[in-house]
Amino acid sequence: MSRTIAREIAYRVLFSENFSKLDSIKEAIINALDGQVISNEDLNFIESTVNGVITHEAELKEIIKQNTTKFALDRVVLTDLTALLLATYELKYTDTPHKVIINEAINLVKKFSSEKSYSFVNSVLRKISQGSSNE
Protein backbone atom coordinates (compact mmCIF):
# COMPACT_ATOMS: atom_id res chain seq x y z
CA MET A 1 0.00 0.00 0.00
CA SER A 2 1.30 3.45 -0.80
CA ARG A 3 1.53 6.31 1.66
CA THR A 4 -1.06 8.12 -0.46
CA ILE A 5 -3.60 5.36 0.13
CA ALA A 6 -2.68 5.16 3.83
CA ARG A 7 -3.19 8.93 4.09
CA GLU A 8 -6.59 8.60 2.39
CA ILE A 9 -7.62 5.94 4.88
CA ALA A 10 -6.52 8.19 7.76
CA TYR A 11 -8.60 10.97 6.18
CA ARG A 12 -11.66 8.73 5.92
CA VAL A 13 -11.30 7.58 9.54
CA LEU A 14 -10.92 11.19 10.75
CA PHE A 15 -13.91 12.27 8.68
CA SER A 16 -16.05 9.54 10.24
CA GLU A 17 -14.78 10.55 13.71
CA ASN A 18 -16.56 13.87 13.23
CA PHE A 19 -19.94 12.14 13.01
CA SER A 20 -19.56 9.62 15.80
CA LYS A 21 -16.75 9.32 18.28
CA LEU A 22 -14.81 6.19 17.48
CA ASP A 23 -14.77 3.39 20.03
CA SER A 24 -11.86 1.73 18.28
CA ILE A 25 -9.52 3.34 15.80
CA LYS A 26 -8.38 -0.10 14.61
CA GLU A 27 -11.99 -1.07 13.91
CA ALA A 28 -12.56 2.18 12.01
CA ILE A 29 -9.39 1.54 9.99
CA ILE A 30 -10.53 -1.99 9.14
CA ASN A 31 -13.87 -0.59 7.99
CA ALA A 32 -12.14 2.10 5.92
CA LEU A 33 -9.81 -0.46 4.34
CA ASP A 34 -12.79 -2.24 2.83
CA GLY A 35 -10.83 -5.46 2.36
CA GLN A 36 -7.53 -3.94 1.21
CA VAL A 37 -4.35 -5.54 2.53
CA ILE A 38 -2.26 -3.26 4.71
CA SER A 39 1.31 -3.52 5.97
CA ASN A 40 2.23 -3.00 9.62
CA GLU A 41 4.12 0.14 8.60
CA ASP A 42 1.03 1.61 6.94
CA LEU A 43 -1.18 0.57 9.86
CA ASN A 44 1.21 2.30 12.27
CA PHE A 45 1.20 5.43 10.10
CA ILE A 46 -2.59 5.53 9.97
CA GLU A 47 -3.02 4.87 13.70
CA SER A 48 -0.40 7.38 14.79
CA THR A 49 -1.73 10.02 12.41
CA VAL A 50 -5.36 9.57 13.45
CA ASN A 51 -4.43 9.50 17.14
CA GLY A 52 -2.20 12.54 16.66
CA VAL A 53 -4.92 14.58 14.99
CA ILE A 54 -7.46 13.61 17.66
CA THR A 55 -5.02 14.35 20.49
CA HIS A 56 -3.94 17.73 19.09
CA GLU A 57 -7.25 18.73 17.51
CA ALA A 58 -7.73 21.95 19.51
CA GLU A 59 -4.18 23.10 18.78
CA LEU A 60 -4.49 22.20 15.08
CA LYS A 61 -7.79 24.06 14.78
CA GLU A 62 -6.19 27.12 16.34
CA ILE A 63 -3.34 26.99 13.81
CA ILE A 64 -5.85 26.65 10.97
CA LYS A 65 -7.99 29.46 12.40
CA GLN A 66 -4.97 31.78 12.51
CA ASN A 67 -4.37 31.09 8.82
CA THR A 68 -7.94 31.46 7.53
CA THR A 69 -8.63 35.14 7.45
CA LYS A 70 -11.77 35.10 5.29
CA PHE A 71 -13.65 32.22 6.91
CA ALA A 72 -14.67 31.38 10.43
CA LEU A 73 -13.56 27.85 11.20
CA ASP A 74 -17.14 26.71 11.77
CA ARG A 75 -17.95 27.74 8.17
CA VAL A 76 -15.31 25.48 6.63
CA VAL A 77 -16.96 22.37 5.20
CA LEU A 78 -16.10 19.17 7.02
CA THR A 79 -14.36 17.56 4.04
CA ASP A 80 -11.98 20.52 3.81
CA LEU A 81 -11.52 20.82 7.57
CA THR A 82 -10.60 17.14 7.80
CA ALA A 83 -7.94 17.56 5.12
CA LEU A 84 -6.65 20.70 6.85
CA LEU A 85 -6.44 18.94 10.21
CA LEU A 86 -4.62 15.95 8.74
CA ALA A 87 -2.16 18.08 6.78
CA THR A 88 -1.57 20.54 9.62
CA TYR A 89 -0.77 17.65 11.94
CA GLU A 90 1.73 16.29 9.43
CA LEU A 91 3.25 19.73 8.83
CA LYS A 92 3.76 20.23 12.55
CA TYR A 93 4.61 16.76 13.82
CA THR A 94 6.26 14.79 11.00
CA ASP A 95 9.33 15.13 8.85
CA THR A 96 7.44 14.53 5.61
CA PRO A 97 8.34 17.28 3.12
CA HIS A 98 5.79 20.08 3.15
CA LYS A 99 5.30 19.95 -0.63
CA VAL A 100 4.26 16.30 -0.36
CA ILE A 101 1.85 16.97 2.50
CA ILE A 102 0.22 19.90 0.73
CA ASN A 103 -0.06 18.02 -2.58
CA GLU A 104 -1.64 15.00 -0.85
CA ALA A 105 -4.14 17.25 0.97
CA ILE A 106 -5.09 18.96 -2.27
CA ASN A 107 -5.63 15.58 -3.92
CA LEU A 108 -7.87 14.46 -1.05
CA VAL A 109 -9.95 17.62 -1.33
CA LYS A 110 -10.20 17.25 -5.11
CA LYS A 111 -11.48 13.70 -4.57
CA PHE A 112 -13.85 14.27 -1.63
CA SER A 113 -14.90 17.93 -1.73
CA SER A 114 -16.05 20.60 -4.16
CA GLU A 115 -14.18 21.86 -7.22
CA LYS A 116 -13.26 25.15 -5.59
CA SER A 117 -12.11 23.75 -2.26
CA TYR A 118 -8.61 22.80 -3.29
CA SER A 119 -7.50 26.41 -3.84
CA PHE A 120 -8.74 27.35 -0.35
CA VAL A 121 -6.99 24.37 1.26
CA ASN A 122 -3.82 25.06 -0.73
CA SER A 123 -3.78 28.69 0.40
CA VAL A 124 -4.25 27.85 4.07
CA LEU A 125 -1.64 25.09 4.07
CA ARG A 126 0.91 27.28 2.28
CA LYS A 127 0.51 29.90 5.02
CA ILE A 128 0.89 27.27 7.72
CA SER A 129 3.90 25.78 5.93
CA GLN A 130 5.63 29.16 5.76
CA GLY A 131 5.43 29.30 9.54
CA SER A 132 7.31 25.98 9.81
CA SER A 133 10.81 24.98 8.83
CA ASN A 134 10.37 21.65 6.98
CA GLU A 135 9.94 22.85 3.39
C-alpha atoms as a PDB file:
ATOM      1  CA  MET A   1       0.000   0.000   0.000  1.00  0.00           C
ATOM      2  CA  SER A   2       1.298   3.454  -0.799  1.00  0.00           C
ATOM      3  CA  ARG A   3       1.528   6.306   1.661  1.00  0.00           C
ATOM      4  CA  THR A   4      -1.055   8.121  -0.464  1.00  0.00           C
ATOM      5  CA  ILE A   5      -3.598   5.360   0.131  1.00  0.00           C
ATOM      6  CA  ALA A   6      -2.682   5.162   3.828  1.00  0.00           C
ATOM      7  CA  ARG A   7      -3.192   8.926   4.093  1.00  0.00           C
ATOM      8  CA  GLU A   8      -6.590   8.599   2.393  1.00  0.00           C
ATOM      9  CA  ILE A   9      -7.620   5.938   4.883  1.00  0.00           C
ATOM     10  CA  ALA A  10      -6.519   8.191   7.764  1.00  0.00           C
ATOM     11  CA  TYR A  11      -8.605  10.971   6.176  1.00  0.00           C
ATOM     12  CA  ARG A  12     -11.664   8.731   5.920  1.00  0.00           C
ATOM     13  CA  VAL A  13     -11.296   7.581   9.543  1.00  0.00           C
ATOM     14  CA  LEU A  14     -10.917  11.189  10.745  1.00  0.00           C
ATOM     15  CA  PHE A  15     -13.911  12.272   8.679  1.00  0.00           C
ATOM     16  CA  SER A  16     -16.047   9.543  10.242  1.00  0.00           C
ATOM     17  CA  GLU A  17     -14.779  10.548  13.706  1.00  0.00           C
ATOM     18  CA  ASN A  18     -16.560  13.872  13.234  1.00  0.00           C
ATOM     19  CA  PHE A  19     -19.945  12.135  13.009  1.00  0.00           C
ATOM     20  CA  SER A  20     -19.557   9.617  15.797  1.00  0.00           C
ATOM     21  CA  LYS A  21     -16.749   9.323  18.280  1.00  0.00           C
ATOM     22  CA  LEU A  22     -14.814   6.189  17.484  1.00  0.00           C
ATOM     23  CA  ASP A  23     -14.771   3.386  20.028  1.00  0.00           C
ATOM     24  CA  SER A  24     -11.861   1.735  18.280  1.00  0.00           C
ATOM     25  CA  ILE A  25      -9.523   3.341  15.798  1.00  0.00           C
ATOM     26  CA  LYS A  26      -8.383  -0.096  14.610  1.00  0.00           C
ATOM     27  CA  GLU A  27     -11.995  -1.068  13.909  1.00  0.00           C
ATOM     28  CA  ALA A  28     -12.556   2.183  12.012  1.00  0.00           C
ATOM     29  CA  ILE A  29      -9.389   1.542   9.987  1.00  0.00           C
ATOM     30  CA  ILE A  30     -10.531  -1.987   9.140  1.00  0.00           C
ATOM     31  CA  ASN A  31     -13.875  -0.592   7.990  1.00  0.00           C
ATOM     32  CA  ALA A  32     -12.140   2.097   5.922  1.00  0.00           C
ATOM     33  CA  LEU A  33      -9.807  -0.464   4.336  1.00  0.00           C
ATOM     34  CA  ASP A  34     -12.786  -2.242   2.830  1.00  0.00           C
ATOM     35  CA  GLY A  35     -10.825  -5.465   2.357  1.00  0.00           C
ATOM     36  CA  GLN A  36      -7.531  -3.940   1.206  1.00  0.00           C
ATOM     37  CA  VAL A  37      -4.351  -5.541   2.532  1.00  0.00           C
ATOM     38  CA  ILE A  38      -2.264  -3.257   4.709  1.00  0.00           C
ATOM     39  CA  SER A  39       1.312  -3.519   5.971  1.00  0.00           C
ATOM     40  CA  ASN A  40       2.227  -3.002   9.618  1.00  0.00           C
ATOM     41  CA  GLU A  41       4.119   0.139   8.597  1.00  0.00           C
ATOM     42  CA  ASP A  42       1.027   1.614   6.943  1.00  0.00           C
ATOM     43  CA  LEU A  43      -1.183   0.567   9.859  1.00  0.00           C
ATOM     44  CA  ASN A  44       1.207   2.300  12.274  1.00  0.00           C
ATOM     45  CA  PHE A  45       1.202   5.431  10.099  1.00  0.00           C
ATOM     46  CA  ILE A  46      -2.590   5.525   9.969  1.00  0.00           C
ATOM     47  CA  GLU A  47      -3.024   4.866  13.695  1.00  0.00           C
ATOM     48  CA  SER A  48      -0.399   7.377  14.792  1.00  0.00           C
ATOM     49  CA  THR A  49      -1.730  10.025  12.412  1.00  0.00           C
ATOM     50  CA  VAL A  50      -5.358   9.567  13.450  1.00  0.00           C
ATOM     51  CA  ASN A  51      -4.426   9.498  17.144  1.00  0.00           C
ATOM     52  CA  GLY A  52      -2.195  12.543  16.665  1.00  0.00           C
ATOM     53  CA  VAL A  53      -4.921  14.577  14.990  1.00  0.00           C
ATOM     54  CA  ILE A  54      -7.456  13.608  17.657  1.00  0.00           C
ATOM     55  CA  THR A  55      -5.020  14.348  20.494  1.00  0.00           C
ATOM     56  CA  HIS A  56      -3.937  17.728  19.092  1.00  0.00           C
ATOM     57  CA  GLU A  57      -7.253  18.732  17.509  1.00  0.00           C
ATOM     58  CA  ALA A  58      -7.733  21.952  19.514  1.00  0.00           C
ATOM     59  CA  GLU A  59      -4.182  23.097  18.777  1.00  0.00           C
ATOM     60  CA  LEU A  60      -4.490  22.196  15.082  1.00  0.00           C
ATOM     61  CA  LYS A  61      -7.786  24.056  14.783  1.00  0.00           C
ATOM     62  CA  GLU A  62      -6.192  27.125  16.343  1.00  0.00           C
ATOM     63  CA  ILE A  63      -3.342  26.993  13.806  1.00  0.00           C
ATOM     64  CA  ILE A  64      -5.850  26.646  10.969  1.00  0.00           C
ATOM     65  CA  LYS A  65      -7.986  29.459  12.400  1.00  0.00           C
ATOM     66  CA  GLN A  66      -4.971  31.776  12.511  1.00  0.00           C
ATOM     67  CA  ASN A  67      -4.371  31.094   8.821  1.00  0.00           C
ATOM     68  CA  THR A  68      -7.938  31.456   7.533  1.00  0.00           C
ATOM     69  CA  THR A  69      -8.634  35.142   7.449  1.00  0.00           C
ATOM     70  CA  LYS A  70     -11.772  35.097   5.291  1.00  0.00           C
ATOM     71  CA  PHE A  71     -13.652  32.220   6.906  1.00  0.00           C
ATOM     72  CA  ALA A  72     -14.672  31.384  10.432  1.00  0.00           C
ATOM     73  CA  LEU A  73     -13.556  27.853  11.200  1.00  0.00           C
ATOM     74  CA  ASP A  74     -17.141  26.713  11.770  1.00  0.00           C
ATOM     75  CA  ARG A  75     -17.954  27.736   8.168  1.00  0.00           C
ATOM     76  CA  VAL A  76     -15.307  25.475   6.631  1.00  0.00           C
ATOM     77  CA  VAL A  77     -16.960  22.372   5.196  1.00  0.00           C
ATOM     78  CA  LEU A  78     -16.102  19.169   7.017  1.00  0.00           C
ATOM     79  CA  THR A  79     -14.362  17.564   4.038  1.00  0.00           C
ATOM     80  CA  ASP A  80     -11.978  20.518   3.812  1.00  0.00           C
ATOM     81  CA  LEU A  81     -11.517  20.816   7.571  1.00  0.00           C
ATOM     82  CA  THR A  82     -10.603  17.138   7.803  1.00  0.00           C
ATOM     83  CA  ALA A  83      -7.943  17.560   5.117  1.00  0.00           C
ATOM     84  CA  LEU A  84      -6.652  20.697   6.848  1.00  0.00           C
ATOM     85  CA  LEU A  85      -6.440  18.936  10.214  1.00  0.00           C
ATOM     86  CA  LEU A  86      -4.620  15.949   8.736  1.00  0.00           C
ATOM     87  CA  ALA A  87      -2.158  18.084   6.780  1.00  0.00           C
ATOM     88  CA  THR A  88      -1.571  20.541   9.621  1.00  0.00           C
ATOM     89  CA  TYR A  89      -0.771  17.651  11.936  1.00  0.00           C
ATOM     90  CA  GLU A  90       1.733  16.288   9.434  1.00  0.00           C
ATOM     91  CA  LEU A  91       3.254  19.726   8.828  1.00  0.00           C
ATOM     92  CA  LYS A  92       3.756  20.231  12.549  1.00  0.00           C
ATOM     93  CA  TYR A  93       4.607  16.757  13.818  1.00  0.00           C
ATOM     94  CA  THR A  94       6.256  14.787  10.999  1.00  0.00           C
ATOM     95  CA  ASP A  95       9.334  15.134   8.851  1.00  0.00           C
ATOM     96  CA  THR A  96       7.443  14.529   5.612  1.00  0.00           C
ATOM     97  CA  PRO A  97       8.337  17.278   3.116  1.00  0.00           C
ATOM     98  CA  HIS A  98       5.793  20.083   3.149  1.00  0.00           C
ATOM     99  CA  LYS A  99       5.300  19.952  -0.629  1.00  0.00           C
ATOM    100  CA  VAL A 100       4.259  16.295  -0.364  1.00  0.00           C
ATOM    101  CA  ILE A 101       1.853  16.968   2.498  1.00  0.00           C
ATOM    102  CA  ILE A 102       0.220  19.895   0.725  1.00  0.00           C
ATOM    103  CA  ASN A 103      -0.060  18.024  -2.576  1.00  0.00           C
ATOM    104  CA  GLU A 104      -1.638  15.005  -0.849  1.00  0.00           C
ATOM    105  CA  ALA A 105      -4.140  17.254   0.974  1.00  0.00           C
ATOM    106  CA  ILE A 106      -5.092  18.964  -2.272  1.00  0.00           C
ATOM    107  CA  ASN A 107      -5.629  15.578  -3.925  1.00  0.00           C
ATOM    108  CA  LEU A 108      -7.871  14.463  -1.047  1.00  0.00           C
ATOM    109  CA  VAL A 109      -9.946  17.617  -1.332  1.00  0.00           C
ATOM    110  CA  LYS A 110     -10.202  17.246  -5.113  1.00  0.00           C
ATOM    111  CA  LYS A 111     -11.477  13.703  -4.573  1.00  0.00           C
ATOM    112  CA  PHE A 112     -13.850  14.266  -1.633  1.00  0.00           C
ATOM    113  CA  SER A 113     -14.896  17.927  -1.733  1.00  0.00           C
ATOM    114  CA  SER A 114     -16.045  20.600  -4.165  1.00  0.00           C
ATOM    115  CA  GLU A 115     -14.181  21.859  -7.216  1.00  0.00           C
ATOM    116  CA  LYS A 116     -13.260  25.155  -5.587  1.00  0.00           C
ATOM    117  CA  SER A 117     -12.111  23.747  -2.257  1.00  0.00           C
ATOM    118  CA  TYR A 118      -8.611  22.797  -3.290  1.00  0.00           C
ATOM    119  CA  SER A 119      -7.497  26.408  -3.838  1.00  0.00           C
ATOM    120  CA  PHE A 120      -8.736  27.355  -0.355  1.00  0.00           C
ATOM    121  CA  VAL A 121      -6.986  24.367   1.262  1.00  0.00           C
ATOM    122  CA  ASN A 122      -3.821  25.060  -0.727  1.00  0.00           C
ATOM    123  CA  SER A 123      -3.780  28.695   0.400  1.00  0.00           C
ATOM    124  CA  VAL A 124      -4.249  27.855   4.074  1.00  0.00           C
ATOM    125  CA  LEU A 125      -1.640  25.086   4.066  1.00  0.00           C
ATOM    126  CA  ARG A 126       0.906  27.281   2.278  1.00  0.00           C
ATOM    127  CA  LYS A 127       0.505  29.901   5.016  1.00  0.00           C
ATOM    128  CA  ILE A 128       0.894  27.266   7.722  1.00  0.00           C
ATOM    129  CA  SER A 129       3.898  25.784   5.930  1.00  0.00           C
ATOM    130  CA  GLN A 130       5.628  29.160   5.763  1.00  0.00           C
ATOM    131  CA  GLY A 131       5.426  29.304   9.539  1.00  0.00           C
ATOM    132  CA  SER A 132       7.306  25.977   9.810  1.00  0.00           C
ATOM    133  CA  SER A 133      10.812  24.978   8.827  1.00  0.00           C
ATOM    134  CA  ASN A 134      10.372  21.651   6.976  1.00  0.00           C
ATOM    135  CA  GLU A 135       9.945  22.845   3.386  1.00  0.00           C
END
